[in-house]
C-alpha atoms as a PDB file:
ATOM      1  CA  MET A   1     -60.449  16.347  -2.599  1.00  0.00           C
ATOM      2  CA  VAL A   2     -57.280  14.620  -1.408  1.00  0.00           C
ATOM      3  CA  LYS A   3     -56.013  15.641   1.994  1.00  0.00           C
ATOM      4  CA  ALA A   4     -52.246  16.063   2.232  1.00  0.00           C
ATOM      5  CA  ILE A   5     -50.463  13.875   4.744  1.00  0.00           C
ATOM      6  CA  TYR A   6     -47.717  15.609   6.712  1.00  0.00           C
ATOM      7  CA  HIS A   7     -45.196  14.186   9.134  1.00  0.00           C
ATOM      8  CA  PRO A   8     -46.581  14.508  12.697  1.00  0.00           C
ATOM      9  CA  ASN A   9     -43.532  16.531  13.781  1.00  0.00           C
ATOM     10  CA  ALA A  10     -43.843  18.966  10.861  1.00  0.00           C
ATOM     11  CA  TYR A  11     -46.383  20.995  12.852  1.00  0.00           C
ATOM     12  CA  LEU A  12     -44.513  23.499  15.035  1.00  0.00           C
ATOM     13  CA  SER A  13     -46.057  25.281  18.008  1.00  0.00           C
ATOM     14  CA  ASN A  14     -44.173  28.592  17.812  1.00  0.00           C
ATOM     15  CA  ILE A  15     -44.826  29.519  14.172  1.00  0.00           C
ATOM     16  CA  LYS A  16     -47.679  29.729  11.699  1.00  0.00           C
ATOM     17  CA  ASN A  17     -47.812  26.377   9.918  1.00  0.00           C
ATOM     18  CA  VAL A  18     -48.362  27.188   6.252  1.00  0.00           C
ATOM     19  CA  LYS A  19     -48.625  24.488   3.599  1.00  0.00           C
ATOM     20  CA  ARG A  20     -45.191  25.129   2.001  1.00  0.00           C
ATOM     21  CA  GLY A  21     -43.468  24.903   5.387  1.00  0.00           C
ATOM     22  CA  LEU A  22     -45.314  21.724   6.306  1.00  0.00           C
ATOM     23  CA  VAL A  23     -44.360  20.151   2.988  1.00  0.00           C
ATOM     24  CA  ALA A  24     -40.682  21.153   3.378  1.00  0.00           C
ATOM     25  CA  ARG A  25     -40.468  19.943   6.988  1.00  0.00           C
ATOM     26  CA  THR A  26     -42.204  16.672   6.064  1.00  0.00           C
ATOM     27  CA  LYS A  27     -39.619  16.037   3.338  1.00  0.00           C
ATOM     28  CA  ILE A  28     -36.773  16.852   5.756  1.00  0.00           C
ATOM     29  CA  LEU A  29     -38.161  14.653   8.534  1.00  0.00           C
ATOM     30  CA  ASN A  30     -38.792  11.750   6.157  1.00  0.00           C
ATOM     31  CA  THR A  31     -35.166  12.055   5.022  1.00  0.00           C
ATOM     32  CA  LEU A  32     -33.873  12.210   8.605  1.00  0.00           C
ATOM     33  CA  GLU A  33     -35.842   9.066   9.511  1.00  0.00           C
ATOM     34  CA  LYS A  34     -33.657   7.188   7.014  1.00  0.00           C
ATOM     35  CA  THR A  35     -30.292   8.829   7.687  1.00  0.00           C
ATOM     36  CA  HIS A  36     -28.541  11.825   9.206  1.00  0.00           C
ATOM     37  CA  GLY A  37     -26.344  14.334   7.452  1.00  0.00           C
ATOM     38  CA  ASP A  38     -25.448  17.934   6.822  1.00  0.00           C
ATOM     39  CA  ALA A  39     -27.980  20.487   5.570  1.00  0.00           C
ATOM     40  CA  ARG A  40     -26.723  20.274   1.983  1.00  0.00           C
ATOM     41  CA  THR A  41     -27.116  16.477   1.873  1.00  0.00           C
ATOM     42  CA  ILE A  42     -30.498  16.582   3.586  1.00  0.00           C
ATOM     43  CA  GLY A  43     -31.674  19.275   1.175  1.00  0.00           C
ATOM     44  CA  ARG A  44     -30.500  17.268  -1.818  1.00  0.00           C
ATOM     45  CA  GLU A  45     -32.223  14.096  -0.587  1.00  0.00           C
ATOM     46  CA  ALA A  46     -35.412  16.033   0.223  1.00  0.00           C
ATOM     47  CA  GLU A  47     -35.220  17.898  -3.108  1.00  0.00           C
ATOM     48  CA  LEU A  48     -35.034  21.302  -1.390  1.00  0.00           C
ATOM     49  CA  PRO A  49     -32.571  24.181  -1.821  1.00  0.00           C
ATOM     50  CA  TYR A  50     -29.855  24.437   0.824  1.00  0.00           C
ATOM     51  CA  GLY A  51     -31.255  27.663   2.298  1.00  0.00           C
ATOM     52  CA  VAL A  52     -34.735  26.188   2.690  1.00  0.00           C
ATOM     53  CA  ALA A  53     -33.373  23.025   4.297  1.00  0.00           C
ATOM     54  CA  MET A  54     -31.195  25.006   6.718  1.00  0.00           C
ATOM     55  CA  HIS A  55     -34.068  27.335   7.659  1.00  0.00           C
ATOM     56  CA  HIS A  56     -36.386  24.448   8.492  1.00  0.00           C
ATOM     57  CA  LEU A  57     -33.675  22.479  10.297  1.00  0.00           C
ATOM     58  CA  LYS A  58     -33.158  25.503  12.562  1.00  0.00           C
ATOM     59  CA  LEU A  59     -36.920  25.763  13.195  1.00  0.00           C
ATOM     60  CA  LEU A  60     -37.095  22.050  13.981  1.00  0.00           C
ATOM     61  CA  GLY A  61     -34.045  22.444  16.222  1.00  0.00           C
ATOM     62  CA  LYS A  62     -35.724  25.198  18.246  1.00  0.00           C
ATOM     63  CA  GLU A  63     -38.622  22.837  18.908  1.00  0.00           C
ATOM     64  CA  GLY A  64     -36.221  20.043  19.962  1.00  0.00           C
ATOM     65  CA  ILE A  65     -37.253  17.691  17.154  1.00  0.00           C
ATOM     66  CA  VAL A  66     -33.798  17.618  15.538  1.00  0.00           C
ATOM     67  CA  ASN A  67     -30.354  18.516  16.796  1.00  0.00           C
ATOM     68  CA  ARG A  68     -26.755  18.458  15.758  1.00  0.00           C
ATOM     69  CA  LYS A  69     -25.417  14.957  16.230  1.00  0.00           C
ATOM     70  CA  ASP A  70     -22.520  14.198  18.586  1.00  0.00           C
ATOM     71  CA  ASN A  71     -21.450  17.852  18.815  1.00  0.00           C
ATOM     72  CA  ARG A  72     -20.537  17.787  15.131  1.00  0.00           C
ATOM     73  CA  PRO A  73     -21.688  21.196  13.949  1.00  0.00           C
ATOM     74  CA  GLY A  74     -22.877  20.209  10.491  1.00  0.00           C
ATOM     75  CA  ILE A  75     -24.562  16.844  11.103  1.00  0.00           C
ATOM     76  CA  TRP A  76     -28.295  16.875  11.889  1.00  0.00           C
ATOM     77  CA  ALA A  77     -30.318  13.964  13.337  1.00  0.00           C
ATOM     78  CA  MET A  78     -33.744  13.414  14.878  1.00  0.00           C
ATOM     79  CA  THR A  79     -33.961  13.495  18.677  1.00  0.00           C
ATOM     80  CA  GLY A  80     -36.927  11.175  19.141  1.00  0.00           C
ATOM     81  CA  PHE A  81     -38.846  14.015  20.798  1.00  0.00           C
ATOM     82  CA  GLY A  82     -42.318  14.900  19.518  1.00  0.00           C
ATOM     83  CA  GLN A  83     -45.208  12.998  18.096  1.00  0.00           C
ATOM     84  CA  LYS A  84     -44.741   9.506  16.734  1.00  0.00           C
ATOM     85  CA  ARG A  85     -46.243   8.125  13.561  1.00  0.00           C
ATOM     86  CA  LEU A  86     -49.203   5.869  14.061  1.00  0.00           C
ATOM     87  CA  VAL A  87     -48.498   2.453  12.587  1.00  0.00           C
ATOM     88  CA  ASN A  88     -51.180   0.008  11.565  1.00  0.00           C
ATOM     89  CA  LEU A  89     -50.397  -3.189  13.481  1.00  0.00           C
ATOM     90  CA  HIS A  90     -52.698  -5.481  11.459  1.00  0.00           C
END
């Protein structure tokens, strides 16, 4: 059985972490590691509907993992807060 690999910051402390939410947040966080943007763009890049992307961005925002960039209301970016990915240094 293959174990799914989720982004370390996809696990949130204040909600029940179900598989669909972990998958959606992993896609969003992987997208935000490459670029920042509005919820519609992030959703498109992560292959998620706008409503799903916005819902999870708000959840991630409450945990302090993402925020709105430079006081621009529609642009989301990662804060650098939370767990970091472990990188193989070999």
